[in-house]
């Protein structure tokens, strides 16, 4: 994420500067295809999205 102010819990007035963050998802998926399908079902945007027909 490029900035943390997308979260409603954060008061913008108290932020001294915009800072980004990395988010890691840990799943019990057994392979990359299962992981991709799970995250896609959650609505995660993928820059290098696989074909939807797969």
PDB file of N, CA and C in Angstrom:
ATOM      1  N   UNK A   1       0.834  -1.161   0.000  1.00  0.00           N
ATOM      2  CA  UNK A   1       0.000   0.000   0.000  1.00  0.00           C
ATOM      3  C   UNK A   1       0.881   1.227   0.000  1.00  0.00           C
ATOM      4  N   UNK A   2       0.423   2.221  -0.697  1.00  0.00           N
ATOM      5  CA  UNK A   2       1.220   3.436  -0.798  1.00  0.00           C
ATOM      6  C   UNK A   2       1.032   4.370   0.393  1.00  0.00           C
ATOM      7  N   UNK A   3      -0.088   4.266   1.085  1.00  0.00           N
ATOM      8  CA  UNK A   3      -0.311   5.118   2.254  1.00  0.00           C
ATOM      9  C   UNK A   3      -1.258   4.444   3.238  1.00  0.00           C
ATOM     10  N   UNK A   4      -1.119   4.796   4.499  1.00  0.00           N
ATOM     11  CA  UNK A   4      -1.915   4.146   5.537  1.00  0.00           C
ATOM     12  C   UNK A   4      -3.223   4.864   5.827  1.00  0.00           C
ATOM     13  N   UNK A   5      -3.475   6.022   5.245  1.00  0.00           N
ATOM     14  CA  UNK A   5      -4.669   6.791   5.579  1.00  0.00           C
ATOM     15  C   UNK A   5      -5.941   6.221   4.963  1.00  0.00           C
ATOM     16  N   UNK A   6      -5.844   5.105   4.244  1.00  0.00           N
ATOM     17  CA  UNK A   6      -7.050   4.476   3.707  1.00  0.00           C
ATOM     18  C   UNK A   6      -7.856   3.807   4.814  1.00  0.00           C
ATOM     19  N   UNK A   7      -7.239   3.590   5.965  1.00  0.00           N
ATOM     20  CA  UNK A   7      -7.924   2.946   7.076  1.00  0.00           C
ATOM     21  C   UNK A   7      -8.705   3.991   7.873  1.00  0.00           C
ATOM     22  N   UNK A   8     -10.000   3.767   8.099  1.00  0.00           N
ATOM     23  CA  UNK A   8     -10.808   4.765   8.817  1.00  0.00           C
ATOM     24  C   UNK A   8     -10.401   4.948  10.273  1.00  0.00           C
ATOM     25  N   UNK A   9      -9.690   3.999  10.850  1.00  0.00           N
ATOM     26  CA  UNK A   9      -9.265   4.096  12.245  1.00  0.00           C
ATOM     27  C   UNK A   9      -8.168   5.127  12.452  1.00  0.00           C
ATOM     28  N   UNK A  10      -7.519   5.534  11.375  1.00  0.00           N
ATOM     29  CA  UNK A  10      -6.387   6.450  11.483  1.00  0.00           C
ATOM     30  C   UNK A  10      -6.878   7.877  11.308  1.00  0.00           C
ATOM     31  N   UNK A  11      -6.551   8.714  12.271  1.00  0.00           N
ATOM     32  CA  UNK A  11      -6.920  10.132  12.213  1.00  0.00           C
ATOM     33  C   UNK A  11      -5.889  10.859  11.352  1.00  0.00           C
ATOM     34  N   UNK A  12      -6.328  11.395  10.246  1.00  0.00           N
ATOM     35  CA  UNK A  12      -5.419  12.064   9.314  1.00  0.00           C
ATOM     36  C   UNK A  12      -4.738  13.254   9.987  1.00  0.00           C
ATOM     37  N   UNK A  13      -5.420  13.916  10.888  1.00  0.00           N
ATOM     38  CA  UNK A  13      -4.858  15.073  11.577  1.00  0.00           C
ATOM     39  C   UNK A  13      -3.646  14.726  12.442  1.00  0.00           C
ATOM     40  N   UNK A  14      -3.544  13.474  12.865  1.00  0.00           N
ATOM     41  CA  UNK A  14      -2.441  13.061  13.734  1.00  0.00           C
ATOM     42  C   UNK A  14      -1.253  12.483  12.955  1.00  0.00           C
ATOM     43  N   UNK A  15      -1.384  12.375  11.645  1.00  0.00           N
ATOM     44  CA  UNK A  15      -0.318  11.815  10.817  1.00  0.00           C
ATOM     45  C   UNK A  15       0.710  12.896  10.503  1.00  0.00           C
ATOM     46  N   UNK A  16       1.986  12.607  10.810  1.00  0.00           N
ATOM     47  CA  UNK A  16       3.060  13.562  10.529  1.00  0.00           C
ATOM     48  C   UNK A  16       3.541  13.449   9.095  1.00  0.00           C
ATOM     49  N   UNK A  17       3.378  12.293   8.519  1.00  0.00           N
ATOM     50  CA  UNK A  17       3.804  12.075   7.146  1.00  0.00           C
ATOM     51  C   UNK A  17       3.197  10.794   6.613  1.00  0.00           C
ATOM     52  N   UNK A  18       3.044  10.731   5.323  1.00  0.00           N
ATOM     53  CA  UNK A  18       2.476   9.551   4.693  1.00  0.00           C
ATOM     54  C   UNK A  18       3.555   8.475   4.602  1.00  0.00           C
ATOM     55  N   UNK A  19       3.223   7.274   5.036  1.00  0.00           N
ATOM     56  CA  UNK A  19       4.155   6.161   4.893  1.00  0.00           C
ATOM     57  C   UNK A  19       3.388   4.948   4.387  1.00  0.00           C
ATOM     58  N   UNK A  20       4.022   4.169   3.591  1.00  0.00           N
ATOM     59  CA  UNK A  20       3.398   2.985   3.025  1.00  0.00           C
ATOM     60  C   UNK A  20       3.595   1.779   3.918  1.00  0.00           C
ATOM     61  N   UNK A  21       3.134   0.640   3.439  1.00  0.00           N
ATOM     62  CA  UNK A  21       3.303  -0.589   4.201  1.00  0.00           C
ATOM     63  C   UNK A  21       3.227  -1.791   3.278  1.00  0.00           C
ATOM     64  N   UNK A  22       3.853  -2.854   3.675  1.00  0.00           N
ATOM     65  CA  UNK A  22       3.754  -4.134   2.989  1.00  0.00           C
ATOM     66  C   UNK A  22       2.822  -5.016   3.799  1.00  0.00           C
ATOM     67  N   UNK A  23       2.038  -5.818   3.100  1.00  0.00           N
ATOM     68  CA  UNK A  23       1.121  -6.733   3.760  1.00  0.00           C
ATOM     69  C   UNK A  23       1.434  -8.141   3.274  1.00  0.00           C
ATOM     70  N   UNK A  24       1.547  -9.069   4.209  1.00  0.00           N
ATOM     71  CA  UNK A  24       1.822 -10.464   3.877  1.00  0.00           C
ATOM     72  C   UNK A  24       0.612 -11.301   4.236  1.00  0.00           C
ATOM     73  N   UNK A  25       0.176 -12.127   3.287  1.00  0.00           N
ATOM     74  CA  UNK A  25      -0.919 -13.063   3.522  1.00  0.00           C
ATOM     75  C   UNK A  25      -0.321 -14.460   3.645  1.00  0.00           C
ATOM     76  N   UNK A  26      -0.689 -15.176   4.681  1.00  0.00           N
ATOM     77  CA  UNK A  26      -0.249 -16.552   4.877  1.00  0.00           C
ATOM     78  C   UNK A  26      -1.495 -17.427   4.782  1.00  0.00           C
ATOM     79  N   UNK A  27      -1.455 -18.432   3.905  1.00  0.00           N
ATOM     80  CA  UNK A  27      -2.602 -19.315   3.723  1.00  0.00           C
ATOM     81  C   UNK A  27      -2.164 -20.763   3.905  1.00  0.00           C
ATOM     82  N   UNK A  28      -3.133 -21.643   3.906  1.00  0.00           N
ATOM     83  CA  UNK A  28      -2.836 -23.072   3.950  1.00  0.00           C
ATOM     84  C   UNK A  28      -2.962 -23.697   2.564  1.00  0.00           C
ATOM     85  N   UNK A  29      -2.989 -22.859   1.535  1.00  0.00           N
ATOM     86  CA  UNK A  29      -3.079 -23.373   0.167  1.00  0.00           C
ATOM     87  C   UNK A  29      -1.883 -24.274  -0.116  1.00  0.00           C
ATOM     88  N   UNK A  30      -2.112 -25.290  -0.912  1.00  0.00           N
ATOM     89  CA  UNK A  30      -1.058 -26.263  -1.195  1.00  0.00           C
ATOM     90  C   UNK A  30      -0.218 -25.903  -2.412  1.00  0.00           C
ATOM     91  N   UNK A  31      -0.677 -24.929  -3.223  1.00  0.00           N
ATOM     92  CA  UNK A  31       0.100 -24.536  -4.398  1.00  0.00           C
ATOM     93  C   UNK A  31      -0.256 -23.096  -4.796  1.00  0.00           C
ATOM     94  N   UNK A  32       0.471 -22.565  -5.759  1.00  0.00           N
ATOM     95  CA  UNK A  32       0.264 -21.185  -6.187  1.00  0.00           C
ATOM     96  C   UNK A  32      -1.123 -20.954  -6.777  1.00  0.00           C
ATOM     97  N   UNK A  33      -1.635 -21.930  -7.492  1.00  0.00           N
ATOM     98  CA  UNK A  33      -2.951 -21.777  -8.118  1.00  0.00           C
ATOM     99  C   UNK A  33      -4.048 -21.613  -7.062  1.00  0.00           C
ATOM    100  N   UNK A  34      -3.990 -22.408  -6.003  1.00  0.00           N
ATOM    101  CA  UNK A  34      -4.967 -22.296  -4.922  1.00  0.00           C
ATOM    102  C   UNK A  34      -4.834 -20.940  -4.220  1.00  0.00           C
ATOM    103  N   UNK A  35      -3.613 -20.501  -4.002  1.00  0.00           N
ATOM    104  CA  UNK A  35      -3.385 -19.206  -3.361  1.00  0.00           C
ATOM    105  C   UNK A  35      -3.952 -18.085  -4.211  1.00  0.00           C
ATOM    106  N   UNK A  36      -3.684 -18.127  -5.502  1.00  0.00           N
ATOM    107  CA  UNK A  36      -4.182 -17.109  -6.420  1.00  0.00           C
ATOM    108  C   UNK A  36      -5.705 -17.065  -6.401  1.00  0.00           C
ATOM    109  N   UNK A  37      -6.338 -18.202  -6.481  1.00  0.00           N
ATOM    110  CA  UNK A  37      -7.804 -18.247  -6.505  1.00  0.00           C
ATOM    111  C   UNK A  37      -8.403 -17.709  -5.208  1.00  0.00           C
ATOM    112  N   UNK A  38      -7.791 -18.020  -4.084  1.00  0.00           N
ATOM    113  CA  UNK A  38      -8.277 -17.514  -2.799  1.00  0.00           C
ATOM    114  C   UNK A  38      -8.189 -15.992  -2.746  1.00  0.00           C
ATOM    115  N   UNK A  39      -7.033 -15.458  -3.077  1.00  0.00           N
ATOM    116  CA  UNK A  39      -6.852 -14.010  -3.024  1.00  0.00           C
ATOM    117  C   UNK A  39      -7.708 -13.301  -4.070  1.00  0.00           C
ATOM    118  N   UNK A  40      -7.878 -13.902  -5.239  1.00  0.00           N
ATOM    119  CA  UNK A  40      -8.734 -13.329  -6.273  1.00  0.00           C
ATOM    120  C   UNK A  40     -10.181 -13.276  -5.783  1.00  0.00           C
ATOM    121  N   UNK A  41     -10.616 -14.315  -5.063  1.00  0.00           N
ATOM    122  CA  UNK A  41     -11.974 -14.351  -4.515  1.00  0.00           C
ATOM    123  C   UNK A  41     -12.184 -13.244  -3.478  1.00  0.00           C
ATOM    124  N   UNK A  42     -11.118 -12.841  -2.805  1.00  0.00           N
ATOM    125  CA  UNK A  42     -11.195 -11.729  -1.858  1.00  0.00           C
ATOM    126  C   UNK A  42     -11.165 -10.375  -2.552  1.00  0.00           C
ATOM    127  N   UNK A  43     -10.949 -10.388  -3.875  1.00  0.00           N
ATOM    128  CA  UNK A  43     -10.945  -9.142  -4.631  1.00  0.00           C
ATOM    129  C   UNK A  43      -9.594  -8.467  -4.730  1.00  0.00           C
ATOM    130  N   UNK A  44      -8.516  -9.217  -4.506  1.00  0.00           N
ATOM    131  CA  UNK A  44      -7.189  -8.634  -4.596  1.00  0.00           C
ATOM    132  C   UNK A  44      -6.875  -8.269  -6.046  1.00  0.00           C
ATOM    133  N   UNK A  45      -6.394  -7.047  -6.265  1.00  0.00           N
ATOM    134  CA  UNK A  45      -6.015  -6.665  -7.630  1.00  0.00           C
ATOM    135  C   UNK A  45      -4.615  -7.187  -7.945  1.00  0.00           C
ATOM    136  N   UNK A  46      -4.480  -7.852  -9.052  1.00  0.00           N
ATOM    137  CA  UNK A  46      -3.187  -8.387  -9.467  1.00  0.00           C
ATOM    138  C   UNK A  46      -2.704  -7.641 -10.698  1.00  0.00           C
ATOM    139  N   UNK A  47      -1.488  -7.119 -10.643  1.00  0.00           N
ATOM    140  CA  UNK A  47      -0.911  -6.395 -11.769  1.00  0.00           C
ATOM    141  C   UNK A  47      -0.702  -7.327 -12.950  1.00  0.00           C
ATOM    142  N   UNK A  48      -0.307  -8.561 -12.692  1.00  0.00           N
ATOM    143  CA  UNK A  48      -0.048  -9.541 -13.746  1.00  0.00           C
ATOM    144  C   UNK A  48      -1.123 -10.614 -13.687  1.00  0.00           C
ATOM    145  N   UNK A  49      -2.377 -10.204 -13.775  1.00  0.00           N
ATOM    146  CA  UNK A  49      -3.497 -11.134 -13.617  1.00  0.00           C
ATOM    147  C   UNK A  49      -3.455 -12.248 -14.657  1.00  0.00           C
ATOM    148  N   UNK A  50      -3.697 -13.461 -14.188  1.00  0.00           N
ATOM    149  CA  UNK A  50      -3.798 -14.608 -15.087  1.00  0.00           C
ATOM    150  C   UNK A  50      -5.097 -14.500 -15.862  1.00  0.00           C
ATOM    151  N   UNK A  51      -5.193 -15.252 -16.931  1.00  0.00           N
ATOM    152  CA  UNK A  51      -6.417 -15.248 -17.716  1.00  0.00           C
ATOM    153  C   UNK A  51      -7.585 -15.721 -16.862  1.00  0.00           C
ATOM    154  N   UNK A  52      -8.699 -15.008 -16.940  1.00  0.00           N
ATOM    155  CA  UNK A  52      -9.895 -15.365 -16.172  1.00  0.00           C
ATOM    156  C   UNK A  52     -10.502 -16.680 -16.641  1.00  0.00           C
ATOM    157  N   UNK A  53     -10.227 -17.087 -17.866  1.00  0.00           N
ATOM    158  CA  UNK A  53     -10.816 -18.305 -18.431  1.00  0.00           C
ATOM    159  C   UNK A  53     -10.205 -19.562 -17.830  1.00  0.00           C
ATOM    160  N   UNK A  54      -9.056 -19.439 -17.170  1.00  0.00           N
ATOM    161  CA  UNK A  54      -8.385 -20.622 -16.608  1.00  0.00           C
ATOM    162  C   UNK A  54      -9.188 -21.251 -15.497  1.00  0.00           C
TER     163      UNK A  54
END
